[in-house]
């Protein structure tokens, strides 16, 4: 399994960017500095934001206090109620945010099309598990009651995200299913992190040499678990557990050269075993989070488009 030339060029460019500034890897910076650097490099490098109808930030109630969401409405709305895509950003539960992932939120809004609600959540290590799950579930509850006010159809809520955000989406959906919460019509999981035990073979196979290393995963996991979180908890590592009855159809987009590749496959198998409809696509030569990097890895867009087509198909039922 070799990196696509565009993936390799991106990895080398990031390494060079850090070296030029004499910066250590993210996991050696500490959370605050890692967030600052990640914010800087993403906003400096991201493509122009895709035009949409409108974008609004709102503070919505949550058990932890008001949380920020960014609502993105596509230009293709035509006055009809839209499916709603709740989106959780990636970043190992430690870094990242609404600003850093806005280009993906806008792309999803336009291409699906859907009313995208990009929801913030408390970050570790200051707020370890279950803080993110609580905030994510509260965002789902808010959408179920208020989507109609923004042109969304609460009967068609899709929950997804990238990396840790995709793992959070799976956990929030599992919680909603087991607790009789708002119905979720579909999960869309992009390069998902679904197993914090880090025991899958691909974690060691791609432990270094790409844009996500074993050392970074170890650090993210320690931050998120804190002193009480158990890596085998089904809301932390959904791929290790049988899937509860009632989980929605799921689209999983994985990258071949990603430490998290094998847990995506395991989760897809668990969903199928439970009778859930699954589309699981592995993108050859791609690296973790390539769906966020299409400006640098344009080869990845054909794989993203396949996933988006599957989302549209399954969302129609």
C-alpha atoms as a PDB file:
ATOM      1  CA  UNK A   1       0.000   0.000   0.000  1.00  0.00           C
ATOM      2  CA  UNK A   2       1.752   3.134  -1.187  1.00  0.00           C
ATOM      3  CA  UNK A   3       0.803   6.765  -0.867  1.00  0.00           C
ATOM      4  CA  UNK A   4      -0.660   8.444  -3.905  1.00  0.00           C
ATOM      5  CA  UNK A   5       1.840  11.068  -5.166  1.00  0.00           C
ATOM      6  CA  UNK A   6      -0.521  13.865  -4.109  1.00  0.00           C
ATOM      7  CA  UNK A   7      -0.806  12.376  -0.605  1.00  0.00           C
ATOM      8  CA  UNK A   8       2.958  12.072  -0.345  1.00  0.00           C
ATOM      9  CA  UNK A   9       3.468  15.644  -1.536  1.00  0.00           C
ATOM     10  CA  UNK A  10       1.034  16.894   1.099  1.00  0.00           C
ATOM     11  CA  UNK A  11       2.767  14.984   3.918  1.00  0.00           C
ATOM     12  CA  UNK A  12       6.140  16.386   2.835  1.00  0.00           C
ATOM     13  CA  UNK A  13       4.738  19.918   2.604  1.00  0.00           C
ATOM     14  CA  UNK A  14       3.382  19.779   6.162  1.00  0.00           C
ATOM     15  CA  UNK A  15       6.675  18.403   7.478  1.00  0.00           C
ATOM     16  CA  UNK A  16       8.520  21.221   5.700  1.00  0.00           C
ATOM     17  CA  UNK A  17       6.126  23.837   7.094  1.00  0.00           C
ATOM     18  CA  UNK A  18       6.779  22.657  10.647  1.00  0.00           C
ATOM     19  CA  UNK A  19      10.531  22.413  10.067  1.00  0.00           C
ATOM     20  CA  UNK A  20      10.739  25.941   8.662  1.00  0.00           C
ATOM     21  CA  UNK A  21       9.224  27.229  11.893  1.00  0.00           C
ATOM     22  CA  UNK A  22      11.233  24.886  14.136  1.00  0.00           C
ATOM     23  CA  UNK A  23       8.010  23.412  15.479  1.00  0.00           C
ATOM     24  CA  UNK A  24       7.746  19.979  17.068  1.00  0.00           C
ATOM     25  CA  UNK A  25       4.960  17.504  16.191  1.00  0.00           C
ATOM     26  CA  UNK A  26       1.523  18.467  17.488  1.00  0.00           C
ATOM     27  CA  UNK A  27       1.538  15.940  20.292  1.00  0.00           C
ATOM     28  CA  UNK A  28       4.642  17.554  21.802  1.00  0.00           C
ATOM     29  CA  UNK A  29       3.259  21.096  21.764  1.00  0.00           C
ATOM     30  CA  UNK A  30       0.577  20.803  24.408  1.00  0.00           C
ATOM     31  CA  UNK A  31      -3.124  21.308  23.690  1.00  0.00           C
ATOM     32  CA  UNK A  32      -3.231  25.112  23.545  1.00  0.00           C
ATOM     33  CA  UNK A  33      -0.263  25.461  21.179  1.00  0.00           C
ATOM     34  CA  UNK A  34      -1.446  22.520  19.068  1.00  0.00           C
ATOM     35  CA  UNK A  35      -4.822  24.215  18.603  1.00  0.00           C
ATOM     36  CA  UNK A  36      -3.158  27.486  17.660  1.00  0.00           C
ATOM     37  CA  UNK A  37      -0.867  25.875  15.084  1.00  0.00           C
ATOM     38  CA  UNK A  38      -3.591  23.657  13.623  1.00  0.00           C
ATOM     39  CA  UNK A  39      -5.868  26.680  13.276  1.00  0.00           C
ATOM     40  CA  UNK A  40      -3.115  28.654  11.560  1.00  0.00           C
ATOM     41  CA  UNK A  41      -2.048  25.994   9.077  1.00  0.00           C
ATOM     42  CA  UNK A  42      -5.603  25.006   8.130  1.00  0.00           C
ATOM     43  CA  UNK A  43      -6.885  28.540   7.582  1.00  0.00           C
ATOM     44  CA  UNK A  44      -3.690  29.520   5.767  1.00  0.00           C
ATOM     45  CA  UNK A  45      -3.875  26.544   3.425  1.00  0.00           C
ATOM     46  CA  UNK A  46      -7.584  25.930   2.867  1.00  0.00           C
ATOM     47  CA  UNK A  47      -9.239  26.723  -0.467  1.00  0.00           C
ATOM     48  CA  UNK A  48     -11.670  29.597  -1.066  1.00  0.00           C
ATOM     49  CA  UNK A  49     -14.943  28.931   0.711  1.00  0.00           C
ATOM     50  CA  UNK A  50     -17.699  27.629  -1.526  1.00  0.00           C
ATOM     51  CA  UNK A  51     -20.523  30.125  -2.056  1.00  0.00           C
ATOM     52  CA  UNK A  52     -23.775  29.217  -0.290  1.00  0.00           C
ATOM     53  CA  UNK A  53     -27.106  30.893   0.328  1.00  0.00           C
ATOM     54  CA  UNK A  54     -26.271  31.936   3.884  1.00  0.00           C
ATOM     55  CA  UNK A  55     -24.201  31.088   6.938  1.00  0.00           C
ATOM     56  CA  UNK A  56     -25.281  31.906  10.495  1.00  0.00           C
ATOM     57  CA  UNK A  57     -23.748  31.270  13.895  1.00  0.00           C
ATOM     58  CA  UNK A  58     -26.041  30.612  16.845  1.00  0.00           C
ATOM     59  CA  UNK A  59     -25.593  29.804  20.503  1.00  0.00           C
ATOM     60  CA  UNK A  60     -27.777  26.844  21.407  1.00  0.00           C
ATOM     61  CA  UNK A  61     -28.594  25.435  24.841  1.00  0.00           C
ATOM     62  CA  UNK A  62     -26.685  22.444  26.174  1.00  0.00           C
ATOM     63  CA  UNK A  63     -26.248  20.917  29.617  1.00  0.00           C
ATOM     64  CA  UNK A  64     -22.726  22.410  29.743  1.00  0.00           C
ATOM     65  CA  UNK A  65     -23.998  25.888  28.859  1.00  0.00           C
ATOM     66  CA  UNK A  66     -24.561  27.566  25.484  1.00  0.00           C
ATOM     67  CA  UNK A  67     -22.660  25.972  22.584  1.00  0.00           C
ATOM     68  CA  UNK A  68     -21.930  27.515  19.204  1.00  0.00           C
ATOM     69  CA  UNK A  69     -23.276  26.010  15.996  1.00  0.00           C
ATOM     70  CA  UNK A  70     -22.787  27.245  12.446  1.00  0.00           C
ATOM     71  CA  UNK A  71     -25.711  26.698  10.110  1.00  0.00           C
ATOM     72  CA  UNK A  72     -25.017  26.558   6.372  1.00  0.00           C
ATOM     73  CA  UNK A  73     -27.855  26.718   3.864  1.00  0.00           C
ATOM     74  CA  UNK A  74     -27.063  25.823   0.236  1.00  0.00           C
ATOM     75  CA  UNK A  75     -27.979  27.863  -2.794  1.00  0.00           C
ATOM     76  CA  UNK A  76     -29.919  24.913  -4.197  1.00  0.00           C
ATOM     77  CA  UNK A  77     -32.698  25.026  -1.574  1.00  0.00           C
ATOM     78  CA  UNK A  78     -35.562  26.125  -3.905  1.00  0.00           C
ATOM     79  CA  UNK A  79     -37.817  26.723  -0.921  1.00  0.00           C
ATOM     80  CA  UNK A  80     -38.276  23.029  -0.078  1.00  0.00           C
ATOM     81  CA  UNK A  81     -37.392  21.648   3.369  1.00  0.00           C
ATOM     82  CA  UNK A  82     -33.888  20.229   3.277  1.00  0.00           C
ATOM     83  CA  UNK A  83     -32.428  17.179   4.955  1.00  0.00           C
ATOM     84  CA  UNK A  84     -30.319  18.255   7.915  1.00  0.00           C
ATOM     85  CA  UNK A  85     -26.699  17.172   8.266  1.00  0.00           C
ATOM     86  CA  UNK A  86     -25.341  17.501  11.797  1.00  0.00           C
ATOM     87  CA  UNK A  87     -21.568  17.732  11.360  1.00  0.00           C
ATOM     88  CA  UNK A  88     -18.834  17.198  13.968  1.00  0.00           C
ATOM     89  CA  UNK A  89     -15.307  18.367  13.200  1.00  0.00           C
ATOM     90  CA  UNK A  90     -12.214  16.233  13.652  1.00  0.00           C
ATOM     91  CA  UNK A  91      -9.051  16.823  15.640  1.00  0.00           C
ATOM     92  CA  UNK A  92      -8.660  13.902  18.016  1.00  0.00           C
ATOM     93  CA  UNK A  93     -11.161  15.443  20.461  1.00  0.00           C
ATOM     94  CA  UNK A  94      -8.368  17.929  21.296  1.00  0.00           C
ATOM     95  CA  UNK A  95      -7.957  20.389  18.403  1.00  0.00           C
ATOM     96  CA  UNK A  96     -10.055  21.705  15.523  1.00  0.00           C
ATOM     97  CA  UNK A  97     -13.345  23.537  15.409  1.00  0.00           C
ATOM     98  CA  UNK A  98     -16.117  25.082  13.365  1.00  0.00           C
ATOM     99  CA  UNK A  99     -13.832  27.583  11.625  1.00  0.00           C
ATOM    100  CA  UNK A 100     -11.248  24.999  10.627  1.00  0.00           C
ATOM    101  CA  UNK A 101     -13.886  22.724   9.068  1.00  0.00           C
ATOM    102  CA  UNK A 102     -16.117  25.315   7.417  1.00  0.00           C
ATOM    103  CA  UNK A 103     -14.902  24.458   3.903  1.00  0.00           C
ATOM    104  CA  UNK A 104     -16.139  20.869   4.353  1.00  0.00           C
ATOM    105  CA  UNK A 105     -19.430  22.001   5.890  1.00  0.00           C
ATOM    106  CA  UNK A 106     -20.051  24.256   2.902  1.00  0.00           C
ATOM    107  CA  UNK A 107     -19.112  21.528   0.432  1.00  0.00           C
ATOM    108  CA  UNK A 108     -21.535  19.095   2.045  1.00  0.00           C
ATOM    109  CA  UNK A 109     -24.284  21.718   2.077  1.00  0.00           C
ATOM    110  CA  UNK A 110     -23.952  22.407  -1.635  1.00  0.00           C
ATOM    111  CA  UNK A 111     -23.305  18.913  -2.920  1.00  0.00           C
ATOM    112  CA  UNK A 112     -25.800  16.846  -0.963  1.00  0.00           C
ATOM    113  CA  UNK A 113     -27.657  19.349  -0.754  1.00  0.00           C
ATOM    114  CA  UNK A 114     -28.507  19.727   2.921  1.00  0.00           C
ATOM    115  CA  UNK A 115     -28.890  22.215   5.713  1.00  0.00           C
ATOM    116  CA  UNK A 116     -25.597  21.644   7.536  1.00  0.00           C
ATOM    117  CA  UNK A 117     -25.346  22.331  11.256  1.00  0.00           C
ATOM    118  CA  UNK A 118     -21.682  22.298  12.267  1.00  0.00           C
ATOM    119  CA  UNK A 119     -21.680  21.885  16.035  1.00  0.00           C
ATOM    120  CA  UNK A 120     -18.927  22.726  18.492  1.00  0.00           C
ATOM    121  CA  UNK A 121     -18.165  20.500  21.457  1.00  0.00           C
ATOM    122  CA  UNK A 122     -15.941  20.760  24.500  1.00  0.00           C
ATOM    123  CA  UNK A 123     -12.383  19.639  23.867  1.00  0.00           C
ATOM    124  CA  UNK A 124     -10.041  17.436  25.855  1.00  0.00           C
ATOM    125  CA  UNK A 125      -7.975  17.294  27.971  1.00  0.00           C
ATOM    126  CA  UNK A 126      -9.767  20.144  29.735  1.00  0.00           C
ATOM    127  CA  UNK A 127     -13.058  18.348  29.080  1.00  0.00           C
ATOM    128  CA  UNK A 128     -12.522  14.582  28.674  1.00  0.00           C
ATOM    129  CA  UNK A 129     -15.149  11.960  27.869  1.00  0.00           C
ATOM    130  CA  UNK A 130     -18.142  12.140  28.102  1.00  0.00           C
ATOM    131  CA  UNK A 131     -18.168  15.920  27.502  1.00  0.00           C
ATOM    132  CA  UNK A 132     -18.088  15.695  23.693  1.00  0.00           C
ATOM    133  CA  UNK A 133     -20.848  13.054  23.622  1.00  0.00           C
ATOM    134  CA  UNK A 134     -23.047  15.166  25.900  1.00  0.00           C
ATOM    135  CA  UNK A 135     -22.567  18.253  23.729  1.00  0.00           C
ATOM    136  CA  UNK A 136     -23.116  16.280  20.539  1.00  0.00           C
ATOM    137  CA  UNK A 137     -26.307  14.708  21.821  1.00  0.00           C
ATOM    138  CA  UNK A 138     -27.598  18.093  23.006  1.00  0.00           C
ATOM    139  CA  UNK A 139     -26.942  19.491  19.509  1.00  0.00           C
ATOM    140  CA  UNK A 140     -28.973  16.634  18.028  1.00  0.00           C
ATOM    141  CA  UNK A 141     -31.824  17.390  20.413  1.00  0.00           C
ATOM    142  CA  UNK A 142     -31.760  21.070  19.466  1.00  0.00           C
ATOM    143  CA  UNK A 143     -31.858  20.246  15.750  1.00  0.00           C
ATOM    144  CA  UNK A 144     -34.797  17.893  16.220  1.00  0.00           C
ATOM    145  CA  UNK A 145     -36.805  20.734  17.755  1.00  0.00           C
ATOM    146  CA  UNK A 146     -35.591  23.714  15.714  1.00  0.00           C
ATOM    147  CA  UNK A 147     -34.520  22.568  12.229  1.00  0.00           C
ATOM    148  CA  UNK A 148     -37.815  23.671  10.714  1.00  0.00           C
ATOM    149  CA  UNK A 149     -37.099  27.304  11.642  1.00  0.00           C
ATOM    150  CA  UNK A 150     -34.100  27.285   9.284  1.00  0.00           C
ATOM    151  CA  UNK A 151     -35.617  25.380   6.384  1.00  0.00           C
ATOM    152  CA  UNK A 152     -34.639  21.905   7.568  1.00  0.00           C
ATOM    153  CA  UNK A 153     -36.671  18.713   7.737  1.00  0.00           C
ATOM    154  CA  UNK A 154     -36.288  17.156  11.191  1.00  0.00           C
ATOM    155  CA  UNK A 155     -37.582  13.844   9.824  1.00  0.00           C
ATOM    156  CA  UNK A 156     -34.379  13.577   7.754  1.00  0.00           C
ATOM    157  CA  UNK A 157     -31.527  14.201  10.174  1.00  0.00           C
ATOM    158  CA  UNK A 158     -28.148  12.851   9.105  1.00  0.00           C
ATOM    159  CA  UNK A 159     -25.342  12.726  11.671  1.00  0.00           C
ATOM    160  CA  UNK A 160     -21.708  12.577  10.676  1.00  0.00           C
ATOM    161  CA  UNK A 161     -18.299  14.129  10.671  1.00  0.00           C
ATOM    162  CA  UNK A 162     -14.618  13.571  10.068  1.00  0.00           C
ATOM    163  CA  UNK A 163     -12.107  11.542  12.108  1.00  0.00           C
ATOM    164  CA  UNK A 164     -12.883  11.985  15.824  1.00  0.00           C
ATOM    165  CA  UNK A 165     -15.998  13.853  14.730  1.00  0.00           C
ATOM    166  CA  UNK A 166     -17.139  10.754  12.857  1.00  0.00           C
ATOM    167  CA  UNK A 167     -16.547   8.624  15.942  1.00  0.00           C
ATOM    168  CA  UNK A 168     -18.539  11.165  17.924  1.00  0.00           C
ATOM    169  CA  UNK A 169     -21.327  10.941  15.335  1.00  0.00           C
ATOM    170  CA  UNK A 170     -21.470   7.161  15.748  1.00  0.00           C
ATOM    171  CA  UNK A 171     -21.544   7.509  19.539  1.00  0.00           C
ATOM    172  CA  UNK A 172     -24.253  10.192  19.534  1.00  0.00           C
ATOM    173  CA  UNK A 173     -26.382   8.107  17.176  1.00  0.00           C
ATOM    174  CA  UNK A 174     -25.904   4.994  19.288  1.00  0.00           C
ATOM    175  CA  UNK A 175     -26.968   6.960  22.359  1.00  0.00           C
ATOM    176  CA  UNK A 176     -30.035   8.317  20.591  1.00  0.00           C
ATOM    177  CA  UNK A 177     -31.032   4.809  19.497  1.00  0.00           C
ATOM    178  CA  UNK A 178     -30.583   3.227  22.917  1.00  0.00           C
ATOM    179  CA  UNK A 179     -32.196   6.130  24.805  1.00  0.00           C
ATOM    180  CA  UNK A 180     -35.151   6.632  22.411  1.00  0.00           C
ATOM    181  CA  UNK A 181     -33.850  10.007  21.348  1.00  0.00           C
ATOM    182  CA  UNK A 182     -34.455  11.827  18.071  1.00  0.00           C
ATOM    183  CA  UNK A 183     -34.552   9.495  15.058  1.00  0.00           C
ATOM    184  CA  UNK A 184     -31.428   9.635  12.889  1.00  0.00           C
ATOM    185  CA  UNK A 185     -31.993   8.877   9.218  1.00  0.00           C
ATOM    186  CA  UNK A 186     -28.370   8.275   8.236  1.00  0.00           C
ATOM    187  CA  UNK A 187     -24.780   8.285   9.483  1.00  0.00           C
ATOM    188  CA  UNK A 188     -21.952   9.564   7.282  1.00  0.00           C
ATOM    189  CA  UNK A 189     -18.517   8.758   8.684  1.00  0.00           C
ATOM    190  CA  UNK A 190     -15.450  10.222   6.967  1.00  0.00           C
ATOM    191  CA  UNK A 191     -12.112   8.619   7.937  1.00  0.00           C
ATOM    192  CA  UNK A 192     -13.699   7.732  11.300  1.00  0.00           C
ATOM    193  CA  UNK A 193     -11.886   7.153  14.584  1.00  0.00           C
ATOM    194  CA  UNK A 194     -13.929   4.362  16.140  1.00  0.00           C
ATOM    195  CA  UNK A 195     -11.479   2.462  18.368  1.00  0.00           C
ATOM    196  CA  UNK A 196      -9.376   4.201  21.020  1.00  0.00           C
ATOM    197  CA  UNK A 197      -7.687   0.965  22.088  1.00  0.00           C
ATOM    198  CA  UNK A 198      -5.442   1.432  19.015  1.00  0.00           C
ATOM    199  CA  UNK A 199      -5.228  -2.337  18.571  1.00  0.00           C
ATOM    200  CA  UNK A 200      -6.082  -2.653  14.871  1.00  0.00           C
ATOM    201  CA  UNK A 201      -3.226  -3.739  12.537  1.00  0.00           C
ATOM    202  CA  UNK A 202      -3.435  -0.582  10.413  1.00  0.00           C
ATOM    203  CA  UNK A 203      -2.485   1.551  13.442  1.00  0.00           C
ATOM    204  CA  UNK A 204       0.953  -0.075  13.462  1.00  0.00           C
ATOM    205  CA  UNK A 205       1.139  -0.457   9.680  1.00  0.00           C
ATOM    206  CA  UNK A 206       0.838   3.330   9.296  1.00  0.00           C
ATOM    207  CA  UNK A 207       2.352   4.318  12.633  1.00  0.00           C
ATOM    208  CA  UNK A 208       4.507   6.939  10.939  1.00  0.00           C
ATOM    209  CA  UNK A 209       5.166   8.406   7.517  1.00  0.00           C
ATOM    210  CA  UNK A 210       1.722   9.900   6.934  1.00  0.00           C
ATOM    211  CA  UNK A 211      -0.168  12.856   8.399  1.00  0.00           C
ATOM    212  CA  UNK A 212      -1.380  10.949  11.488  1.00  0.00           C
ATOM    213  CA  UNK A 213       1.087   8.982  13.588  1.00  0.00           C
ATOM    214  CA  UNK A 214       0.749   6.400  16.325  1.00  0.00           C
ATOM    215  CA  UNK A 215       2.274   8.871  18.804  1.00  0.00           C
ATOM    216  CA  UNK A 216      -0.364  11.467  17.947  1.00  0.00           C
ATOM    217  CA  UNK A 217      -3.141   8.923  18.346  1.00  0.00           C
ATOM    218  CA  UNK A 218      -1.749   7.862  21.731  1.00  0.00           C
ATOM    219  CA  UNK A 219      -1.738  11.497  22.861  1.00  0.00           C
ATOM    220  CA  UNK A 220      -5.234  12.225  21.593  1.00  0.00           C
ATOM    221  CA  UNK A 221      -6.550   9.077  23.288  1.00  0.00           C
ATOM    222  CA  UNK A 222      -4.935   9.928  26.630  1.00  0.00           C
ATOM    223  CA  UNK A 223      -6.368  13.434  26.494  1.00  0.00           C
ATOM    224  CA  UNK A 224      -9.885  12.249  25.681  1.00  0.00           C
ATOM    225  CA  UNK A 225      -9.994   9.351  28.137  1.00  0.00           C
ATOM    226  CA  UNK A 226      -8.773  11.432  31.063  1.00  0.00           C
ATOM    227  CA  UNK A 227      -8.671   9.601  34.369  1.00  0.00           C
ATOM    228  CA  UNK A 228     -12.001   7.802  34.148  1.00  0.00           C
ATOM    229  CA  UNK A 229     -12.727   7.017  30.492  1.00  0.00           C
ATOM    230  CA  UNK A 230     -12.366   3.396  29.426  1.00  0.00           C
ATOM    231  CA  UNK A 231     -11.169   2.847  25.844  1.00  0.00           C
ATOM    232  CA  UNK A 232     -13.522  -0.121  25.480  1.00  0.00           C
ATOM    233  CA  UNK A 233     -16.640   1.904  26.287  1.00  0.00           C
ATOM    234  CA  UNK A 234     -19.146   1.592  23.396  1.00  0.00           C
ATOM    235  CA  UNK A 235     -19.509   5.385  23.287  1.00  0.00           C
ATOM    236  CA  UNK A 236     -15.722   5.723  22.944  1.00  0.00           C
ATOM    237  CA  UNK A 237     -14.913   2.760  20.685  1.00  0.00           C
ATOM    238  CA  UNK A 238     -18.121   1.811  18.823  1.00  0.00           C
ATOM    239  CA  UNK A 239     -16.331  -0.554  16.438  1.00  0.00           C
ATOM    240  CA  UNK A 240     -15.554  -2.972  19.288  1.00  0.00           C
ATOM    241  CA  UNK A 241     -19.209  -3.678  20.035  1.00  0.00           C
ATOM    242  CA  UNK A 242     -22.275  -5.195  18.482  1.00  0.00           C
ATOM    243  CA  UNK A 243     -24.461  -2.572  16.897  1.00  0.00           C
ATOM    244  CA  UNK A 244     -27.805  -1.945  18.620  1.00  0.00           C
ATOM    245  CA  UNK A 245     -30.939  -2.582  16.644  1.00  0.00           C
ATOM    246  CA  UNK A 246     -32.232   0.555  14.992  1.00  0.00           C
ATOM    247  CA  UNK A 247     -28.952   2.108  13.845  1.00  0.00           C
ATOM    248  CA  UNK A 248     -29.491   4.003  10.589  1.00  0.00           C
ATOM    249  CA  UNK A 249     -28.037   3.320   7.145  1.00  0.00           C
ATOM    250  CA  UNK A 250     -24.391   4.342   7.162  1.00  0.00           C
ATOM    251  CA  UNK A 251     -21.865   5.619   4.641  1.00  0.00           C
ATOM    252  CA  UNK A 252     -18.224   5.098   5.608  1.00  0.00           C
ATOM    253  CA  UNK A 253     -15.395   6.672   3.638  1.00  0.00           C
ATOM    254  CA  UNK A 254     -11.970   5.351   4.640  1.00  0.00           C
ATOM    255  CA  UNK A 255      -8.425   5.966   3.407  1.00  0.00           C
ATOM    256  CA  UNK A 256      -6.124   3.097   2.494  1.00  0.00           C
ATOM    257  CA  UNK A 257      -3.009   4.697   4.049  1.00  0.00           C
ATOM    258  CA  UNK A 258      -4.675   5.690   7.312  1.00  0.00           C
ATOM    259  CA  UNK A 259      -3.952   4.185  10.734  1.00  0.00           C
ATOM    260  CA  UNK A 260      -7.729   4.133  11.266  1.00  0.00           C
ATOM    261  CA  UNK A 261      -8.537   2.115   8.129  1.00  0.00           C
ATOM    262  CA  UNK A 262      -9.137  -1.257   9.790  1.00  0.00           C
ATOM    263  CA  UNK A 263     -11.526  -0.052  12.475  1.00  0.00           C
ATOM    264  CA  UNK A 264     -13.725   1.466   9.767  1.00  0.00           C
ATOM    265  CA  UNK A 265     -13.892  -1.971   8.143  1.00  0.00           C
ATOM    266  CA  UNK A 266     -14.674  -3.639  11.474  1.00  0.00           C
ATOM    267  CA  UNK A 267     -17.491  -1.174  12.154  1.00  0.00           C
ATOM    268  CA  UNK A 268     -18.928  -1.693   8.673  1.00  0.00           C
ATOM    269  CA  UNK A 269     -18.966  -5.437   9.340  1.00  0.00           C
ATOM    270  CA  UNK A 270     -20.708  -4.941  12.695  1.00  0.00           C
ATOM    271  CA  UNK A 271     -23.371  -2.800  11.029  1.00  0.00           C
ATOM    272  CA  UNK A 272     -23.972  -5.425   8.352  1.00  0.00           C
ATOM    273  CA  UNK A 273     -24.211  -8.147  10.995  1.00  0.00           C
ATOM    274  CA  UNK A 274     -26.973  -6.080  12.627  1.00  0.00           C
ATOM    275  CA  UNK A 275     -28.856  -5.816   9.341  1.00  0.00           C
ATOM    276  CA  UNK A 276     -27.993  -2.164   8.755  1.00  0.00           C
ATOM    277  CA  UNK A 277     -27.432  -1.006   5.189  1.00  0.00           C
ATOM    278  CA  UNK A 278     -23.800   0.086   4.760  1.00  0.00           C
ATOM    279  CA  UNK A 279     -21.714   1.639   2.018  1.00  0.00           C
ATOM    280  CA  UNK A 280     -18.022   1.245   2.884  1.00  0.00           C
ATOM    281  CA  UNK A 281     -15.541   2.736   0.430  1.00  0.00           C
ATOM    282  CA  UNK A 282     -11.757   2.626   0.870  1.00  0.00           C
ATOM    283  CA  UNK A 283      -9.851   5.209  -1.174  1.00  0.00           C
ATOM    284  CA  UNK A 284      -6.555   3.787  -2.514  1.00  0.00           C
ATOM    285  CA  UNK A 285      -3.416   5.794  -1.769  1.00  0.00           C
ATOM    286  CA  UNK A 286      -5.269   8.337   0.343  1.00  0.00           C
ATOM    287  CA  UNK A 287      -4.254   9.532   3.818  1.00  0.00           C
ATOM    288  CA  UNK A 288      -6.248  10.322   6.928  1.00  0.00           C
ATOM    289  CA  UNK A 289      -8.692  13.185   6.487  1.00  0.00           C
ATOM    290  CA  UNK A 290      -8.072  13.513   2.749  1.00  0.00           C
ATOM    291  CA  UNK A 291     -11.693  14.590   2.422  1.00  0.00           C
ATOM    292  CA  UNK A 292     -10.633  17.832   4.138  1.00  0.00           C
ATOM    293  CA  UNK A 293      -7.644  18.269   1.822  1.00  0.00           C
ATOM    294  CA  UNK A 294      -9.117  18.169  -1.675  1.00  0.00           C
ATOM    295  CA  UNK A 295      -7.365  21.428  -2.624  1.00  0.00           C
ATOM    296  CA  UNK A 296      -4.028  19.656  -2.024  1.00  0.00           C
ATOM    297  CA  UNK A 297      -5.119  16.107  -2.954  1.00  0.00           C
ATOM    298  CA  UNK A 298      -7.570  16.572  -5.858  1.00  0.00           C
ATOM    299  CA  UNK A 299      -7.429  12.833  -6.639  1.00  0.00           C
ATOM    300  CA  UNK A 300      -9.402  12.353  -3.436  1.00  0.00           C
ATOM    301  CA  UNK A 301     -12.417  14.205  -4.782  1.00  0.00           C
ATOM    302  CA  UNK A 302     -13.625  11.303  -6.907  1.00  0.00           C
ATOM    303  CA  UNK A 303     -13.791   9.162  -3.777  1.00  0.00           C
ATOM    304  CA  UNK A 304     -15.566  11.907  -1.835  1.00  0.00           C
ATOM    305  CA  UNK A 305     -18.082  12.234  -4.668  1.00  0.00           C
ATOM    306  CA  UNK A 306     -18.786   8.498  -4.483  1.00  0.00           C
ATOM    307  CA  UNK A 307     -19.510   8.847  -0.770  1.00  0.00           C
ATOM    308  CA  UNK A 308     -21.717  11.872  -1.363  1.00  0.00           C
ATOM    309  CA  UNK A 309     -23.674   9.977  -4.023  1.00  0.00           C
ATOM    310  CA  UNK A 310     -24.200   7.137  -1.539  1.00  0.00           C
ATOM    311  CA  UNK A 311     -25.406   9.615   1.087  1.00  0.00           C
ATOM    312  CA  UNK A 312     -27.928  11.047  -1.352  1.00  0.00           C
ATOM    313  CA  UNK A 313     -29.139   7.588  -2.335  1.00  0.00           C
ATOM    314  CA  UNK A 314     -29.533   6.272   1.212  1.00  0.00           C
ATOM    315  CA  UNK A 315     -31.071   9.532   2.412  1.00  0.00           C
ATOM    316  CA  UNK A 316     -33.839   9.094  -0.144  1.00  0.00           C
ATOM    317  CA  UNK A 317     -34.547   5.688   1.361  1.00  0.00           C
END
